[in-house]
Amino acid sequence: MDQLRIIVGTRIRHLRKQAGLTICQLSEISGVDGGFINCIERGKKTPSLNTLLKITNALHVNIISAFSNQGPKIEEPYDYQVSSQIRAILNGKPHEEREKFLAVLKTLKDKTMLSAIFDILRKSNRTRDILRTE
């Protein structure tokens, strides 16, 4: 059982780092406590199936492919880059607000439209940062 915990933890850590997320960011996106994620990654705790689903969903990886010998199916690079940038923008926002925003984005199929929305969000965050410093 200890070996299985280490394998699961190592895989979760690899997927998190591949997604460019910190434990804190993964915790916020998944709704799983950061301390618990840390313990999972170190092989100290065994996550439930529900917890694994929350984590793999937050990482945009199918739970079955995440632990298969072939590894997870990685999103198209453009999609992965955009989703990582959107996660960074939404960092710190209330969970309900993030969920609503992400639900809208998932309905968008046109990459040009998604890119335009991202640019608007990035500019609005810069404006907010400038206003805070003045």
Protein backbone atom coordinates (compact mmCIF):
# COMPACT_ATOMS: atom_id res chain seq x y z
CA MET A 1 0.00 0.00 0.00
CA ASP A 2 2.88 2.39 0.75
CA GLN A 3 4.31 1.82 -2.73
CA LEU A 4 0.93 2.57 -4.32
CA ARG A 5 0.64 5.86 -2.36
CA ILE A 6 4.09 6.87 -3.58
CA ILE A 7 3.21 6.05 -7.20
CA VAL A 8 -0.05 8.02 -7.01
CA GLY A 9 1.65 10.95 -5.28
CA THR A 10 4.51 11.06 -7.76
CA ARG A 11 2.06 11.01 -10.66
CA ILE A 12 -0.06 13.82 -9.18
CA ARG A 13 3.06 15.94 -8.59
CA HIS A 14 4.24 15.33 -12.17
CA LEU A 15 0.85 16.30 -13.62
CA ARG A 16 0.64 19.41 -11.41
CA LYS A 17 4.10 20.60 -12.42
CA GLN A 18 3.37 19.81 -16.06
CA ALA A 19 0.32 22.07 -15.75
CA GLY A 20 2.54 24.81 -14.29
CA LEU A 21 0.58 24.97 -11.04
CA THR A 22 1.67 25.33 -7.45
CA ILE A 23 0.06 23.20 -4.75
CA CYS A 24 -1.84 26.30 -3.63
CA GLN A 25 -3.20 26.93 -7.14
CA LEU A 26 -4.21 23.29 -7.57
CA SER A 27 -5.89 23.41 -4.18
CA GLU A 28 -7.87 26.48 -5.14
CA ILE A 29 -8.95 25.06 -8.50
CA SER A 30 -9.76 21.56 -7.23
CA GLY A 31 -11.25 22.44 -3.86
CA VAL A 32 -8.90 19.96 -2.15
CA ASP A 33 -6.90 21.23 0.84
CA GLY A 34 -3.33 22.17 -0.09
CA GLY A 35 -1.87 20.40 2.90
CA PHE A 36 -3.66 17.23 1.87
CA ILE A 37 -2.39 17.55 -1.71
CA ASN A 38 1.12 17.95 -0.30
CA CYS A 39 0.68 14.77 1.76
CA ILE A 40 -0.65 12.89 -1.29
CA GLU A 41 2.31 13.99 -3.40
CA ARG A 42 4.75 12.83 -0.72
CA GLY A 43 3.00 9.46 -0.43
CA LYS A 44 1.92 10.11 3.16
CA LYS A 45 -1.87 10.04 2.56
CA THR A 46 -4.16 7.98 0.35
CA PRO A 47 -6.70 10.05 -1.56
CA SER A 48 -10.25 8.83 -2.07
CA LEU A 49 -11.55 8.29 -5.58
CA ASN A 50 -13.58 11.48 -5.21
CA THR A 51 -10.45 13.44 -4.28
CA LEU A 52 -8.53 11.98 -7.24
CA LEU A 53 -11.39 13.00 -9.53
CA LYS A 54 -11.32 16.56 -8.20
CA ILE A 55 -7.56 16.79 -8.71
CA THR A 56 -7.48 15.25 -12.18
CA ASN A 57 -10.45 17.37 -13.29
CA ALA A 58 -8.64 20.48 -12.08
CA LEU A 59 -5.61 19.39 -14.09
CA HIS A 60 -7.80 18.73 -17.16
CA VAL A 61 -6.68 15.11 -17.29
CA ASN A 62 -8.87 12.04 -17.52
CA ILE A 63 -8.42 10.01 -14.32
CA ILE A 64 -7.98 6.75 -16.22
CA SER A 65 -5.35 8.09 -18.60
CA ALA A 66 -3.60 9.90 -15.73
CA PHE A 67 -2.61 6.57 -14.22
CA SER A 68 -2.32 4.40 -17.33
CA ASN A 69 1.00 3.22 -18.71
CA GLN A 70 0.52 5.47 -21.74
CA GLY A 71 0.15 8.57 -19.56
CA PRO A 72 -2.45 11.30 -19.86
CA LYS A 73 -3.61 12.77 -23.11
CA ILE A 74 -2.20 16.27 -23.14
CA GLU A 75 -4.38 19.05 -24.44
CA GLU A 76 -3.47 20.78 -27.66
CA PRO A 77 -0.61 23.23 -26.79
CA TYR A 78 -2.69 26.31 -27.58
CA ASP A 79 -5.59 25.11 -25.41
CA TYR A 80 -3.21 24.20 -22.60
CA GLN A 81 -1.49 27.60 -22.71
CA VAL A 82 -4.78 29.51 -22.74
CA SER A 83 -6.27 27.43 -19.92
CA SER A 84 -3.13 27.95 -17.80
CA GLN A 85 -3.28 31.71 -18.37
CA ILE A 86 -6.98 31.82 -17.53
CA ARG A 87 -6.31 29.88 -14.31
CA ALA A 88 -3.71 32.49 -13.35
CA ILE A 89 -6.17 35.31 -14.02
CA LEU A 90 -8.89 33.64 -11.95
CA ASN A 91 -6.53 32.91 -9.09
CA GLY A 92 -7.96 34.41 -5.90
CA LYS A 93 -11.48 34.85 -7.25
CA PRO A 94 -14.36 33.24 -5.33
CA HIS A 95 -15.00 29.62 -6.34
CA GLU A 96 -18.51 30.34 -7.62
CA GLU A 97 -17.26 33.20 -9.82
CA ARG A 98 -14.51 31.01 -11.28
CA GLU A 99 -16.93 28.18 -12.02
CA LYS A 100 -19.36 30.49 -13.83
CA PHE A 101 -16.57 32.04 -15.87
CA LEU A 102 -15.05 28.69 -16.82
CA ALA A 103 -18.47 27.33 -17.81
CA VAL A 104 -18.85 30.20 -20.27
CA LEU A 105 -15.36 29.65 -21.68
CA LYS A 106 -16.02 25.94 -22.21
CA THR A 107 -18.89 26.82 -24.52
CA LEU A 108 -16.57 28.79 -26.79
CA LYS A 109 -15.18 26.71 -29.62
CA ASP A 110 -13.61 29.47 -31.69
CA LYS A 111 -9.95 29.94 -30.69
CA THR A 112 -9.94 33.48 -32.06
CA MET A 113 -12.82 34.41 -29.77
CA LEU A 114 -11.19 32.73 -26.80
CA SER A 115 -7.93 34.56 -27.49
CA ALA A 116 -9.76 37.90 -27.71
CA ILE A 117 -11.49 37.27 -24.39
CA PHE A 118 -8.17 36.40 -22.79
CA ASP A 119 -6.63 39.66 -24.08
CA ILE A 120 -9.52 41.66 -22.63
CA LEU A 121 -9.14 39.94 -19.27
CA ARG A 122 -5.40 40.45 -19.21
CA LYS A 123 -5.80 44.16 -19.96
CA SER A 124 -8.50 44.55 -17.30
CA ASN A 125 -6.23 42.91 -14.72
CA ARG A 126 -3.38 45.28 -15.66
CA THR A 127 -5.74 48.26 -15.34
CA ARG A 128 -6.88 47.05 -11.93
CA ASP A 129 -3.25 46.63 -10.83
CA ILE A 130 -2.38 50.14 -12.01
CA LEU A 131 -5.37 51.62 -10.19
CA ARG A 132 -4.40 49.83 -6.98
CA THR A 133 -0.89 51.29 -7.02
CA GLU A 134 -2.06 54.88 -7.55
